[in-house]
């Protein structure tokens, strides 16, 4: 039996059941994961290219103004894309997602200056396996993950607040605890977001392309954050 969202009435579900026949879910999910994979690939390539260029490193990491400016730009871009994606043309939304992936690659290039490439590769593979398992669970489970999603989002805000505090105190023990917490939070969010993508697609069959871009962005963020937290746990610093 399909779970029922507590905020969706029986009448609304009748409409959804009538319209869901027009939703090609396998095609939508294929686009979600293909576009997400392209975003991850863009981020990885830009990161490696930036890390191998001393001039780019000097511009991006040598200036706090530029680095934090890029971070603010990324946050603004994600906020705008998430808020406006249902109104944007699919091509515009997709290009903005790829632009964000490239900008994120620039700011993530520092990991190649800190961690050994073997550690980065190990963290990436581990992240891919864990992400894949939770995504499959989110797509296939009959359990309603709505309540879990609310808890995880609250936990995420707590993680952000604790990370800002630890930025000032720089406690290695707290940093490790926050890294493990981040792994569990983003694994849970991967399952929750995977289920939510299907529900949004069924409720808005006329916006399938935009839903696919939103899904790609959401799962991209889950994967990247999972990878970064695992990388911090695995360590392997060069210096």
Protein backbone atom coordinates (compact mmCIF):
# COMPACT_ATOMS: atom_id res chain seq x y z
CA UNK A 1 0.00 0.00 0.00
CA UNK A 2 1.31 3.43 -0.91
CA UNK A 3 1.87 5.74 2.06
CA UNK A 4 -0.25 8.85 2.37
CA UNK A 5 1.21 12.22 3.19
CA UNK A 6 -0.57 13.65 6.28
CA UNK A 7 -1.04 17.04 4.59
CA UNK A 8 -2.68 15.63 1.46
CA UNK A 9 -6.43 14.99 1.52
CA UNK A 10 -8.23 11.97 0.07
CA UNK A 11 -9.69 14.16 -2.68
CA UNK A 12 -6.22 15.34 -3.63
CA UNK A 13 -5.00 11.76 -3.73
CA UNK A 14 -7.82 10.87 -6.11
CA UNK A 15 -6.59 13.58 -8.46
CA UNK A 16 -3.02 12.37 -8.04
CA UNK A 17 -4.04 8.78 -8.83
CA UNK A 18 -5.73 9.95 -12.01
CA UNK A 19 -2.78 12.02 -13.13
CA UNK A 20 0.04 9.69 -12.11
CA UNK A 21 -0.68 7.55 -15.14
CA UNK A 22 0.83 10.33 -17.25
CA UNK A 23 4.04 10.31 -15.22
CA UNK A 24 6.90 8.28 -16.65
CA UNK A 25 8.72 7.81 -13.36
CA UNK A 26 11.62 5.70 -14.72
CA UNK A 27 12.34 8.42 -17.29
CA UNK A 28 12.20 11.15 -14.64
CA UNK A 29 14.52 9.27 -12.29
CA UNK A 30 16.91 8.58 -15.15
CA UNK A 31 17.12 12.34 -15.82
CA UNK A 32 17.53 13.09 -12.12
CA UNK A 33 20.52 10.79 -11.72
CA UNK A 34 22.03 11.56 -15.12
CA UNK A 35 21.97 15.31 -14.46
CA UNK A 36 23.17 14.80 -10.90
CA UNK A 37 26.07 12.70 -12.22
CA UNK A 38 26.94 15.44 -14.72
CA UNK A 39 26.91 18.00 -11.89
CA UNK A 40 29.23 15.85 -9.77
CA UNK A 41 31.50 15.32 -12.79
CA UNK A 42 31.66 19.07 -13.45
CA UNK A 43 32.51 19.72 -9.80
CA UNK A 44 35.25 17.09 -9.82
CA UNK A 45 36.83 18.27 -13.06
CA UNK A 46 36.76 21.95 -12.06
CA UNK A 47 38.24 21.08 -8.66
CA UNK A 48 41.12 19.11 -10.17
CA UNK A 49 41.84 21.72 -12.82
CA UNK A 50 41.76 24.55 -10.27
CA UNK A 51 43.98 22.61 -7.87
CA UNK A 52 46.55 22.05 -10.63
CA UNK A 53 46.71 25.74 -11.53
CA UNK A 54 48.75 27.89 -9.10
CA UNK A 55 47.28 31.08 -10.58
CA UNK A 56 43.70 29.90 -10.02
CA UNK A 57 44.58 28.76 -6.50
CA UNK A 58 46.06 32.16 -5.79
CA UNK A 59 42.88 33.86 -6.95
CA UNK A 60 40.40 31.52 -5.25
CA UNK A 61 42.20 30.51 -2.06
CA UNK A 62 44.66 33.36 -1.80
CA UNK A 63 41.93 35.93 -1.25
CA UNK A 64 39.32 35.56 1.49
CA UNK A 65 37.18 38.12 -0.33
CA UNK A 66 37.06 35.98 -3.47
CA UNK A 67 36.62 32.68 -1.62
CA UNK A 68 33.80 33.85 0.62
CA UNK A 69 32.32 35.78 -2.30
CA UNK A 70 32.09 32.52 -4.22
CA UNK A 71 30.47 30.81 -1.22
CA UNK A 72 27.88 33.57 -0.91
CA UNK A 73 27.27 33.36 -4.66
CA UNK A 74 26.71 29.61 -4.40
CA UNK A 75 24.25 29.99 -1.55
CA UNK A 76 22.36 32.67 -3.45
CA UNK A 77 22.29 30.57 -6.60
CA UNK A 78 20.95 27.51 -4.77
CA UNK A 79 18.31 29.61 -3.01
CA UNK A 80 17.20 31.24 -6.26
CA UNK A 81 17.14 27.97 -8.18
CA UNK A 82 15.20 26.14 -5.46
CA UNK A 83 12.66 28.97 -5.11
CA UNK A 84 12.16 29.64 -8.83
CA UNK A 85 12.72 26.29 -10.51
CA UNK A 86 9.02 25.65 -11.21
CA UNK A 87 8.84 28.97 -13.08
CA UNK A 88 12.10 28.76 -15.02
CA UNK A 89 12.54 27.16 -18.39
CA UNK A 90 14.06 23.72 -18.08
CA UNK A 91 17.18 24.73 -20.01
CA UNK A 92 17.69 27.79 -17.79
CA UNK A 93 17.28 25.78 -14.60
CA UNK A 94 19.65 23.10 -15.85
CA UNK A 95 22.30 25.62 -16.89
CA UNK A 96 22.08 27.31 -13.47
CA UNK A 97 22.54 23.93 -11.81
CA UNK A 98 25.64 23.24 -13.90
CA UNK A 99 26.94 26.75 -13.14
CA UNK A 100 26.52 26.05 -9.44
CA UNK A 101 28.36 22.75 -9.86
CA UNK A 102 31.29 24.58 -11.47
CA UNK A 103 31.42 27.27 -8.77
CA UNK A 104 31.30 24.57 -6.12
CA UNK A 105 34.21 22.89 -7.88
CA UNK A 106 36.27 26.05 -7.48
CA UNK A 107 35.64 26.33 -3.76
CA UNK A 108 36.15 22.59 -3.23
CA UNK A 109 39.54 22.64 -4.95
CA UNK A 110 41.16 23.10 -1.53
CA UNK A 111 40.63 19.40 -0.75
CA UNK A 112 43.37 18.51 -3.25
CA UNK A 113 45.72 20.77 -1.29
CA UNK A 114 44.91 19.06 2.01
CA UNK A 115 44.10 15.41 1.38
CA UNK A 116 45.91 12.67 -0.50
CA UNK A 117 44.24 11.72 -3.77
CA UNK A 118 43.92 8.11 -2.63
CA UNK A 119 41.91 9.31 0.38
CA UNK A 120 39.72 11.48 -1.83
CA UNK A 121 39.08 8.52 -4.12
CA UNK A 122 38.26 6.22 -1.18
CA UNK A 123 35.87 8.78 0.31
CA UNK A 124 34.20 9.25 -3.08
CA UNK A 125 33.67 5.51 -3.59
CA UNK A 126 32.36 5.06 -0.06
CA UNK A 127 30.03 8.01 -0.53
CA UNK A 128 28.73 6.64 -3.83
CA UNK A 129 27.98 3.24 -2.32
CA UNK A 130 26.28 4.65 0.78
CA UNK A 131 24.37 7.23 -1.24
CA UNK A 132 23.21 4.60 -3.72
CA UNK A 133 21.92 2.33 -0.97
CA UNK A 134 19.93 5.08 0.73
CA UNK A 135 18.56 6.39 -2.58
CA UNK A 136 17.26 2.92 -3.46
CA UNK A 137 15.71 2.65 -0.03
CA UNK A 138 14.01 6.04 -0.41
CA UNK A 139 12.57 5.10 -3.80
CA UNK A 140 11.34 1.65 -2.80
CA UNK A 141 10.20 1.89 0.83
CA UNK A 142 6.48 2.00 1.58
CA UNK A 143 7.17 3.83 4.84
CA UNK A 144 6.32 7.52 5.01
CA UNK A 145 9.61 9.34 5.63
CA UNK A 146 8.00 12.76 6.14
CA UNK A 147 8.46 12.84 9.91
CA UNK A 148 12.05 11.66 9.55
CA UNK A 149 12.67 14.44 7.05
CA UNK A 150 11.47 17.09 9.49
CA UNK A 151 13.76 15.74 12.19
CA UNK A 152 16.74 15.58 9.83
CA UNK A 153 16.25 19.14 8.60
CA UNK A 154 16.17 20.35 12.22
CA UNK A 155 19.30 18.30 12.91
CA UNK A 156 20.97 19.87 9.87
CA UNK A 157 20.38 23.37 11.23
CA UNK A 158 21.83 22.21 14.53
CA UNK A 159 24.86 20.83 12.70
CA UNK A 160 25.38 24.14 10.91
CA UNK A 161 25.15 26.09 14.17
CA UNK A 162 27.55 23.72 15.96
CA UNK A 163 29.99 23.91 13.03
CA UNK A 164 30.01 27.71 13.22
CA UNK A 165 30.73 27.54 16.95
CA UNK A 166 33.51 25.01 16.39
CA UNK A 167 34.98 27.29 13.70
CA UNK A 168 35.84 29.63 16.56
CA UNK A 169 36.98 27.05 19.13
CA UNK A 170 38.56 24.58 16.67
CA UNK A 171 38.04 21.44 18.75
CA UNK A 172 39.28 18.36 16.90
CA UNK A 173 37.08 16.08 19.05
CA UNK A 174 33.95 18.12 18.30
CA UNK A 175 34.92 18.28 14.64
CA UNK A 176 35.02 14.47 14.48
CA UNK A 177 31.65 14.18 16.24
CA UNK A 178 30.11 16.71 13.84
CA UNK A 179 31.57 14.82 10.87
CA UNK A 180 29.92 11.57 11.96
CA UNK A 181 26.68 13.42 12.64
CA UNK A 182 26.86 14.93 9.16
CA UNK A 183 27.26 11.51 7.57
CA UNK A 184 24.15 10.17 9.31
CA UNK A 185 22.14 13.32 8.58
CA UNK A 186 22.90 13.35 4.86
CA UNK A 187 22.36 9.62 4.52
CA UNK A 188 18.91 10.12 6.02
CA UNK A 189 18.25 13.14 3.82
CA UNK A 190 19.21 11.10 0.76
CA UNK A 191 16.44 8.59 1.52
CA UNK A 192 13.96 11.34 2.40
CA UNK A 193 14.71 13.44 -0.68
CA UNK A 194 14.59 10.39 -2.95
CA UNK A 195 11.06 9.65 -1.76
CA UNK A 196 10.03 13.31 -1.94
CA UNK A 197 11.12 13.59 -5.58
CA UNK A 198 8.67 10.86 -6.57
CA UNK A 199 5.82 12.53 -4.68
CA UNK A 200 6.49 15.92 -6.28
CA UNK A 201 6.63 14.32 -9.71
CA UNK A 202 3.25 12.64 -9.18
CA UNK A 203 1.68 15.86 -7.90
CA UNK A 204 3.06 18.00 -10.75
CA UNK A 205 3.13 15.79 -13.87
CA UNK A 206 3.05 18.87 -16.09
CA UNK A 207 6.41 19.97 -14.64
CA UNK A 208 8.33 16.73 -15.00
CA UNK A 209 11.44 18.33 -16.55
CA UNK A 210 11.71 20.94 -13.81
CA UNK A 211 11.09 18.36 -11.10
CA UNK A 212 13.97 16.33 -12.55
CA UNK A 213 16.31 19.36 -12.30
CA UNK A 214 15.16 20.04 -8.73
CA UNK A 215 15.75 16.39 -7.86
CA UNK A 216 19.21 16.47 -9.40
CA UNK A 217 20.14 19.59 -7.41
CA UNK A 218 18.75 18.21 -4.15
CA UNK A 219 20.49 14.84 -4.40
CA UNK A 220 23.69 16.51 -5.64
CA UNK A 221 23.77 18.55 -2.42
CA UNK A 222 23.16 15.44 -0.33
CA UNK A 223 25.96 13.56 -2.08
CA UNK A 224 28.53 16.36 -1.94
CA UNK A 225 27.93 16.98 1.75
CA UNK A 226 28.07 13.27 2.51
CA UNK A 227 31.38 13.07 0.63
CA UNK A 228 32.90 16.05 2.47
CA UNK A 229 31.96 14.69 5.89
CA UNK A 230 33.33 11.25 5.07
CA UNK A 231 36.52 12.85 3.79
CA UNK A 232 37.00 14.65 7.08
CA UNK A 233 36.54 11.37 8.97
CA UNK A 234 38.91 9.39 6.76
CA UNK A 235 41.63 12.03 7.10
CA UNK A 236 44.81 11.23 5.23
CA UNK A 237 46.08 14.80 5.27
CA UNK A 238 49.19 15.56 3.28
CA UNK A 239 50.45 18.07 5.84
